[in-house]
Amino acid sequence: MNKSLFTLATLSAFAAGAYAQSSVTLFGVLDVNAAQIKNGSAGSLKSLSQGALNTSRLGLRGSEDLGGGLSAGFHLEGQVNPDNGTMTSVFWNRRSTVSLIGSWGELRLGRDYNPSSRNTYLFEPYIGTSVGTVLNFTLAPTATLGSGATTALRTNNAVAYFLPRGLGGLYGEAMIAPSEGAPGNKYFGGRLGYAAGPFDVSAAYGTTKTASSDDFKQWNIGLAYKLDSMKLLGLYNVHEFGGLEQKTTALGLAVPVGLGEFRAMWAANSRSGGAVGSGFASGDDSNMLSAGYVYNLSKRTALYGFAGRIANDGAARLTVDGTAPAAMAAGETSSGYQFGITHRF
């Protein structure tokens, strides 16, 4: 009897120890907002939508301690649409990776944000969401300049390396991905940054092979500076394809106010190299102003309101909802607002 109890206790202790070396976490965000978007002659649309403060998502992540300072990890994350209960057609569209992590850094394989896109949302106050985000310029349907590149934000079939922590503020990553027979998927890029005290600066470059002899190229530099409790952000981003070029400049701020945070941004987008009337010629410019407030009910739940406006010139037709409606005339204005709630779990 005593031997049986001892055996049971030993097995229980072993199982507990083995379990402690592995972990799996279910996480997610549900974000729903009431919105109204007006895109020039295309008219206005009222809707219940998702993802103005944080993109709604459902995910699983986990890690296993392999011993000797080595661990393995995985991350699966897909967008959900709580307004209608659906998910995107690519189930784990946001990220699907497996990693090997050690004192030397992290080797990550799968679908993920690429280095040249990461700065575009990390160095603006909306972190890539809402009617005010700079992604309305850098991720617009025409932002890849007709190149057919599919790597404006994320990359499939990627092999990435991340520098380890503890390098005195230095951080960085590099990524390479094959085309696997699909033009516009072959990518190579890197990102290098330095964060210490109130400063954070990062530069990135990426190139994507296309079906033509020209590559789609993206490079940018982002800067953040904390001034007391206020955070100032700046971004300069360039897209190039053949003789076409798009330049985006953004200046933003985030200021704690009461139990929440006030956010605002100005951004300008200019294009050149294309024919007059194409939307890619000199003078086909866009300027955006946006502002909003996030009120934190708790660490996981918040209410928010955002407003944005894009003034287009020439043949430009960029919008605050990231669409390109056929009924919208060149040079018209796009504007919108969103009021909603977000909950993280």
Protein backbone atom coordinates (compact mmCIF):
# COMPACT_ATOMS: atom_id res chain seq x y z
CA MET A 1 0.00 0.00 0.00
CA ASN A 2 2.76 2.39 0.94
CA LYS A 3 4.64 1.42 -2.24
CA SER A 4 1.54 2.13 -4.34
CA LEU A 5 1.11 5.51 -2.71
CA PHE A 6 4.78 6.31 -3.31
CA THR A 7 4.51 5.28 -6.97
CA LEU A 8 1.36 7.37 -7.43
CA ALA A 9 2.98 10.38 -5.79
CA THR A 10 6.08 10.00 -7.97
CA LEU A 11 4.03 9.78 -11.17
CA SER A 12 1.91 12.77 -10.12
CA ALA A 13 5.02 14.83 -9.42
CA PHE A 14 6.52 13.85 -12.78
CA ALA A 15 3.30 14.72 -14.62
CA ALA A 16 3.07 18.06 -12.83
CA GLY A 17 6.68 18.80 -13.71
CA ALA A 18 6.15 17.88 -17.37
CA TYR A 19 3.02 20.00 -17.54
CA ALA A 20 4.83 22.97 -16.02
CA GLN A 21 7.29 22.86 -18.91
CA SER A 22 4.50 23.32 -21.50
CA SER A 23 1.71 25.85 -21.80
CA VAL A 24 -1.17 26.56 -24.17
CA THR A 25 -3.21 29.77 -24.01
CA LEU A 26 -6.53 30.62 -25.65
CA PHE A 27 -6.76 34.37 -26.28
CA GLY A 28 -8.74 36.84 -28.31
CA VAL A 29 -10.33 40.23 -28.85
CA LEU A 30 -13.93 41.14 -29.61
CA ASP A 31 -14.34 44.66 -30.98
CA VAL A 32 -17.66 45.96 -32.31
CA ASN A 33 -18.50 49.51 -33.38
CA ALA A 34 -21.23 51.58 -34.97
CA ALA A 35 -19.80 53.42 -37.97
CA GLN A 36 -20.72 55.77 -40.76
CA ILE A 37 -18.47 56.17 -43.82
CA LYS A 38 -19.00 58.69 -46.62
CA ASN A 39 -16.91 58.21 -49.78
CA GLY A 40 -17.69 61.12 -52.10
CA SER A 41 -20.21 60.32 -54.86
CA ALA A 42 -20.43 56.72 -53.59
CA GLY A 43 -22.52 58.12 -50.75
CA SER A 44 -22.58 57.21 -47.07
CA LEU A 45 -23.06 53.86 -45.37
CA LYS A 46 -24.03 53.19 -41.77
CA SER A 47 -22.96 49.85 -40.37
CA LEU A 48 -22.16 47.73 -37.35
CA SER A 49 -18.59 46.63 -37.92
CA GLN A 50 -15.53 45.23 -36.13
CA GLY A 51 -11.94 46.17 -35.42
CA ALA A 52 -11.68 49.92 -34.89
CA LEU A 53 -9.59 49.84 -31.70
CA ASN A 54 -8.31 46.26 -32.06
CA THR A 55 -8.96 43.79 -34.85
CA SER A 56 -11.29 41.09 -33.51
CA ARG A 57 -9.44 37.80 -33.33
CA LEU A 58 -9.28 34.32 -31.86
CA GLY A 59 -6.00 32.59 -31.21
CA LEU A 60 -3.99 29.83 -29.60
CA ARG A 61 -0.37 30.10 -28.53
CA GLY A 62 1.89 27.85 -26.55
CA SER A 63 5.43 26.93 -25.67
CA GLU A 64 7.44 23.95 -24.53
CA ASP A 65 10.66 24.03 -22.52
CA LEU A 66 13.11 21.75 -24.31
CA GLY A 67 15.86 22.18 -21.73
CA GLY A 68 19.30 23.72 -22.04
CA GLY A 69 17.83 27.18 -22.60
CA LEU A 70 15.93 26.03 -25.70
CA SER A 71 12.16 26.19 -26.20
CA ALA A 72 9.62 25.60 -28.94
CA GLY A 73 6.52 27.67 -29.53
CA PHE A 74 3.52 28.05 -31.79
CA HIS A 75 1.05 30.86 -32.55
CA LEU A 76 -2.26 30.51 -34.42
CA GLU A 77 -4.43 33.61 -34.86
CA GLY A 78 -7.41 34.34 -37.09
CA GLN A 79 -9.74 37.29 -37.59
CA VAL A 80 -13.32 36.95 -36.37
CA ASN A 81 -16.24 39.19 -37.29
CA PRO A 82 -18.51 39.42 -34.23
CA ASP A 83 -20.98 41.67 -36.06
CA ASN A 84 -22.13 38.70 -38.18
CA GLY A 85 -20.43 35.68 -36.54
CA THR A 86 -18.13 34.80 -39.43
CA MET A 87 -14.39 34.33 -39.80
CA THR A 88 -12.19 35.21 -42.75
CA SER A 89 -11.84 32.70 -45.60
CA VAL A 90 -8.24 32.00 -44.54
CA PHE A 91 -8.89 30.72 -41.02
CA TRP A 92 -5.52 31.59 -39.42
CA ASN A 93 -5.06 34.65 -41.62
CA ARG A 94 -3.36 36.85 -39.02
CA ARG A 95 -0.56 34.48 -38.01
CA SER A 96 0.28 30.78 -38.16
CA THR A 97 3.84 30.09 -37.03
CA VAL A 98 6.03 27.59 -35.21
CA SER A 99 9.24 28.74 -33.51
CA LEU A 100 12.49 27.54 -32.01
CA ILE A 101 13.81 29.96 -29.37
CA GLY A 102 17.15 30.15 -27.56
CA SER A 103 19.74 32.56 -26.23
CA TRP A 104 20.74 33.13 -29.87
CA GLY A 105 17.30 34.49 -30.82
CA GLU A 106 14.18 33.06 -32.48
CA LEU A 107 13.70 31.10 -35.70
CA ARG A 108 10.07 31.47 -36.81
CA LEU A 109 8.39 29.63 -39.70
CA GLY A 110 5.00 30.27 -41.30
CA ARG A 111 2.69 33.20 -42.08
CA ASP A 112 3.40 36.44 -40.23
CA TYR A 113 3.82 40.21 -40.54
CA ASN A 114 6.92 40.96 -42.60
CA PRO A 115 9.69 43.32 -41.40
CA SER A 116 9.00 46.13 -43.86
CA SER A 117 5.31 46.31 -42.92
CA ARG A 118 5.81 46.20 -39.15
CA ASN A 119 6.91 49.83 -38.84
CA THR A 120 3.81 51.07 -40.64
CA TYR A 121 1.52 50.20 -37.72
CA LEU A 122 3.93 50.30 -34.76
CA PHE A 123 4.80 53.96 -35.30
CA GLU A 124 1.31 55.44 -35.50
CA PRO A 125 -1.17 55.99 -32.63
CA TYR A 126 -3.92 53.66 -33.96
CA ILE A 127 -1.66 50.60 -34.41
CA GLY A 128 -3.12 49.81 -37.82
CA THR A 129 -6.86 50.10 -37.10
CA SER A 130 -9.74 52.65 -37.28
CA VAL A 131 -10.75 55.28 -39.84
CA GLY A 132 -7.66 57.25 -38.82
CA THR A 133 -4.88 54.71 -39.41
CA VAL A 134 -1.97 55.34 -41.77
CA LEU A 135 -2.74 51.92 -43.28
CA ASN A 136 -5.49 53.71 -45.22
CA PHE A 137 -2.54 54.88 -47.33
CA THR A 138 0.07 52.12 -47.03
CA LEU A 139 -2.42 49.23 -47.34
CA ALA A 140 -4.91 50.76 -49.81
CA PRO A 141 -5.97 48.52 -52.73
CA THR A 142 -3.67 50.56 -55.02
CA ALA A 143 -0.77 50.86 -52.54
CA THR A 144 1.27 48.11 -54.24
CA LEU A 145 1.24 50.27 -57.40
CA GLY A 146 -0.21 47.57 -59.65
CA SER A 147 2.72 45.24 -58.99
CA GLY A 148 0.63 42.26 -57.89
CA ALA A 149 2.68 41.93 -54.69
CA THR A 150 0.81 40.12 -51.91
CA THR A 151 3.31 41.14 -49.21
CA ALA A 152 2.15 44.64 -48.28
CA LEU A 153 1.40 43.48 -44.71
CA ARG A 154 1.98 39.75 -44.19
CA THR A 155 3.97 37.06 -45.96
CA ASN A 156 3.20 33.37 -46.53
CA ASN A 157 5.72 30.52 -46.38
CA ALA A 158 8.18 32.72 -44.47
CA VAL A 159 11.39 31.88 -42.65
CA ALA A 160 12.22 34.63 -40.15
CA TYR A 161 14.94 35.26 -37.60
CA PHE A 162 14.59 37.62 -34.60
CA LEU A 163 17.49 38.94 -32.56
CA PRO A 164 17.49 37.90 -28.88
CA ARG A 165 16.57 40.26 -26.08
CA GLY A 166 19.17 41.84 -23.85
CA LEU A 167 21.26 43.52 -26.55
CA GLY A 168 21.23 46.94 -24.88
CA GLY A 169 18.13 48.17 -26.70
CA LEU A 170 19.03 46.76 -30.13
CA TYR A 171 16.35 44.68 -31.86
CA GLY A 172 15.79 43.36 -35.35
CA GLU A 173 14.50 40.69 -37.67
CA ALA A 174 15.08 39.26 -41.14
CA MET A 175 12.71 37.30 -43.36
CA ILE A 176 12.84 35.33 -46.58
CA ALA A 177 9.99 33.57 -48.37
CA PRO A 178 9.83 31.58 -51.64
CA SER A 179 7.20 32.26 -54.27
CA GLU A 180 6.11 28.60 -54.47
CA GLY A 181 5.11 29.30 -58.07
CA ALA A 182 2.93 32.34 -57.31
CA PRO A 183 4.17 35.74 -58.57
CA GLY A 184 4.13 38.44 -55.91
CA ASN A 185 4.88 36.10 -52.98
CA LYS A 186 8.69 35.86 -53.09
CA TYR A 187 9.93 38.21 -50.37
CA PHE A 188 13.17 39.25 -48.70
CA GLY A 189 13.47 41.95 -46.04
CA GLY A 190 14.81 43.07 -42.70
CA ARG A 191 14.25 45.49 -39.86
CA LEU A 192 16.68 46.97 -37.33
CA GLY A 193 15.84 49.21 -34.39
CA TYR A 194 17.06 50.68 -31.14
CA ALA A 195 14.90 51.43 -28.09
CA ALA A 196 16.31 52.99 -24.91
CA GLY A 197 14.84 55.48 -22.46
CA PRO A 198 12.25 57.67 -24.20
CA PHE A 199 13.51 56.89 -27.73
CA ASP A 200 12.56 54.14 -30.15
CA VAL A 201 13.76 54.27 -33.76
CA SER A 202 13.50 51.56 -36.41
CA ALA A 203 14.27 51.25 -40.13
CA ALA A 204 13.13 48.50 -42.48
CA TYR A 205 13.44 47.38 -46.10
CA GLY A 206 11.69 44.69 -48.14
CA THR A 207 11.55 43.58 -51.75
CA THR A 208 9.05 41.32 -53.51
CA LYS A 209 9.53 39.56 -56.85
CA THR A 210 6.66 40.14 -59.27
CA ALA A 211 5.57 38.72 -62.62
CA SER A 212 7.44 41.57 -64.37
CA SER A 213 11.14 42.38 -64.42
CA ASP A 214 10.60 45.01 -61.71
CA ASP A 215 10.45 44.28 -58.00
CA PHE A 216 8.00 45.87 -55.57
CA LYS A 217 10.05 47.61 -52.88
CA GLN A 218 9.11 49.08 -49.52
CA TRP A 219 11.35 50.93 -47.10
CA ASN A 220 10.56 53.08 -44.09
CA ILE A 221 11.77 54.62 -40.85
CA GLY A 222 9.73 55.06 -37.67
CA LEU A 223 10.43 57.12 -34.58
CA ALA A 224 8.72 57.29 -31.18
CA TYR A 225 9.57 59.60 -28.29
CA LYS A 226 7.99 59.74 -24.83
CA LEU A 227 7.73 63.26 -23.45
CA ASP A 228 6.55 62.84 -19.87
CA SER A 229 3.26 60.96 -20.31
CA MET A 230 2.77 61.98 -23.97
CA LYS A 231 4.02 59.79 -26.81
CA LEU A 232 5.02 61.37 -30.12
CA LEU A 233 5.25 59.20 -33.25
CA GLY A 234 6.58 59.69 -36.75
CA LEU A 235 6.68 57.51 -39.87
CA TYR A 236 8.13 57.92 -43.37
CA ASN A 237 7.26 55.09 -45.78
CA VAL A 238 8.08 54.60 -49.47
CA HIS A 239 6.68 52.12 -52.03
CA GLU A 240 8.42 51.68 -55.40
CA PHE A 241 7.56 49.67 -58.51
CA GLY A 242 9.27 50.38 -61.81
CA GLY A 243 8.94 54.12 -62.34
CA LEU A 244 6.04 54.46 -59.88
CA GLU A 245 6.52 55.73 -56.36
CA GLN A 246 4.34 56.37 -53.31
CA LYS A 247 5.60 58.35 -50.32
CA THR A 248 3.72 58.49 -47.01
CA THR A 249 4.53 60.76 -44.07
CA ALA A 250 2.69 60.59 -40.74
CA LEU A 251 2.95 62.45 -37.44
CA GLY A 252 0.90 61.32 -34.45
CA LEU A 253 0.52 61.56 -30.71
CA ALA A 254 -1.05 59.65 -27.83
CA VAL A 255 -1.80 61.50 -24.58
CA PRO A 256 -3.30 60.05 -21.37
CA VAL A 257 -6.45 61.96 -20.43
CA GLY A 258 -8.37 60.84 -17.34
CA LEU A 259 -8.94 57.09 -17.44
CA GLY A 260 -8.23 56.96 -21.15
CA GLU A 261 -6.07 58.19 -23.97
CA PHE A 262 -6.48 60.85 -26.65
CA ARG A 263 -5.01 60.02 -30.07
CA ALA A 264 -4.50 62.16 -33.15
CA MET A 265 -2.59 62.03 -36.43
CA TRP A 266 -1.84 63.94 -39.61
CA ALA A 267 -0.66 62.01 -42.66
CA ALA A 268 0.16 62.88 -46.26
CA ASN A 269 0.40 60.54 -49.25
CA SER A 270 1.92 61.47 -52.62
CA ARG A 271 2.44 59.49 -55.83
CA SER A 272 4.52 60.02 -58.94
CA GLY A 273 5.70 58.33 -62.13
CA GLY A 274 2.33 57.44 -63.66
CA ALA A 275 0.24 58.90 -66.45
CA VAL A 276 -2.03 61.85 -65.78
CA GLY A 277 -5.43 60.62 -64.57
CA SER A 278 -4.12 57.20 -63.54
CA GLY A 279 -4.04 57.93 -59.81
CA PHE A 280 -0.27 57.39 -59.82
CA ALA A 281 0.82 60.73 -61.30
CA SER A 282 2.35 63.75 -59.62
CA GLY A 283 -0.45 65.68 -57.98
CA ASP A 284 -2.48 62.56 -57.15
CA ASP A 285 -2.05 63.30 -53.47
CA SER A 286 -4.06 62.67 -50.30
CA ASN A 287 -4.03 64.22 -46.83
CA MET A 288 -5.61 62.73 -43.72
CA LEU A 289 -6.57 64.15 -40.33
CA SER A 290 -7.86 61.91 -37.56
CA ALA A 291 -8.53 61.94 -33.84
CA GLY A 292 -10.12 59.77 -31.19
CA TYR A 293 -10.43 58.87 -27.55
CA VAL A 294 -10.19 55.53 -25.74
CA TYR A 295 -11.84 55.24 -22.31
CA ASN A 296 -10.61 52.26 -20.28
CA LEU A 297 -13.33 50.60 -18.20
CA SER A 298 -10.74 48.04 -17.02
CA LYS A 299 -7.44 46.56 -18.18
CA ARG A 300 -9.34 44.41 -20.69
CA THR A 301 -12.39 46.46 -21.69
CA ALA A 302 -12.60 49.90 -23.28
CA LEU A 303 -15.02 52.25 -25.00
CA TYR A 304 -13.80 54.41 -27.90
CA GLY A 305 -14.67 56.94 -30.55
CA PHE A 306 -12.66 57.78 -33.68
CA ALA A 307 -13.12 60.17 -36.61
CA GLY A 308 -11.07 60.53 -39.78
CA ARG A 309 -11.08 62.53 -43.01
CA ILE A 310 -9.08 62.11 -46.22
CA ALA A 311 -8.92 64.97 -48.75
CA ASN A 312 -7.90 63.70 -52.20
CA ASP A 313 -6.36 65.75 -55.02
CA GLY A 314 -5.96 65.02 -58.71
CA ALA A 315 -7.01 61.46 -59.55
CA ALA A 316 -6.47 60.11 -56.02
CA ARG A 317 -9.38 58.10 -54.51
CA LEU A 318 -8.13 56.89 -51.11
CA THR A 319 -10.70 56.24 -48.37
CA VAL A 320 -10.91 56.00 -44.58
CA ASP A 321 -12.26 52.44 -44.80
CA GLY A 322 -9.52 51.15 -47.10
CA THR A 323 -11.80 50.50 -50.07
CA ALA A 324 -11.85 51.84 -53.63
CA PRO A 325 -15.57 52.26 -54.45
CA ALA A 326 -16.24 52.49 -58.19
CA ALA A 327 -18.84 55.22 -57.71
CA MET A 328 -16.38 57.53 -55.95
CA ALA A 329 -14.99 60.17 -58.31
CA ALA A 330 -11.33 61.15 -58.46
CA GLY A 331 -10.31 63.89 -56.06
CA GLU A 332 -13.32 63.51 -53.76
CA THR A 333 -13.25 63.44 -49.95
CA SER A 334 -13.72 60.43 -47.70
CA SER A 335 -14.72 60.73 -44.05
CA GLY A 336 -16.06 58.58 -41.25
CA TYR A 337 -16.56 57.95 -37.56
CA GLN A 338 -16.68 54.88 -35.29
CA PHE A 339 -18.01 54.40 -31.75
CA GLY A 340 -17.54 51.05 -30.12
CA ILE A 341 -16.44 48.68 -27.38
CA THR A 342 -13.55 46.25 -27.23
CA HIS A 343 -12.89 43.37 -24.83
CA ARG A 344 -9.73 41.28 -24.60
CA PHE A 345 -9.57 37.80 -23.11
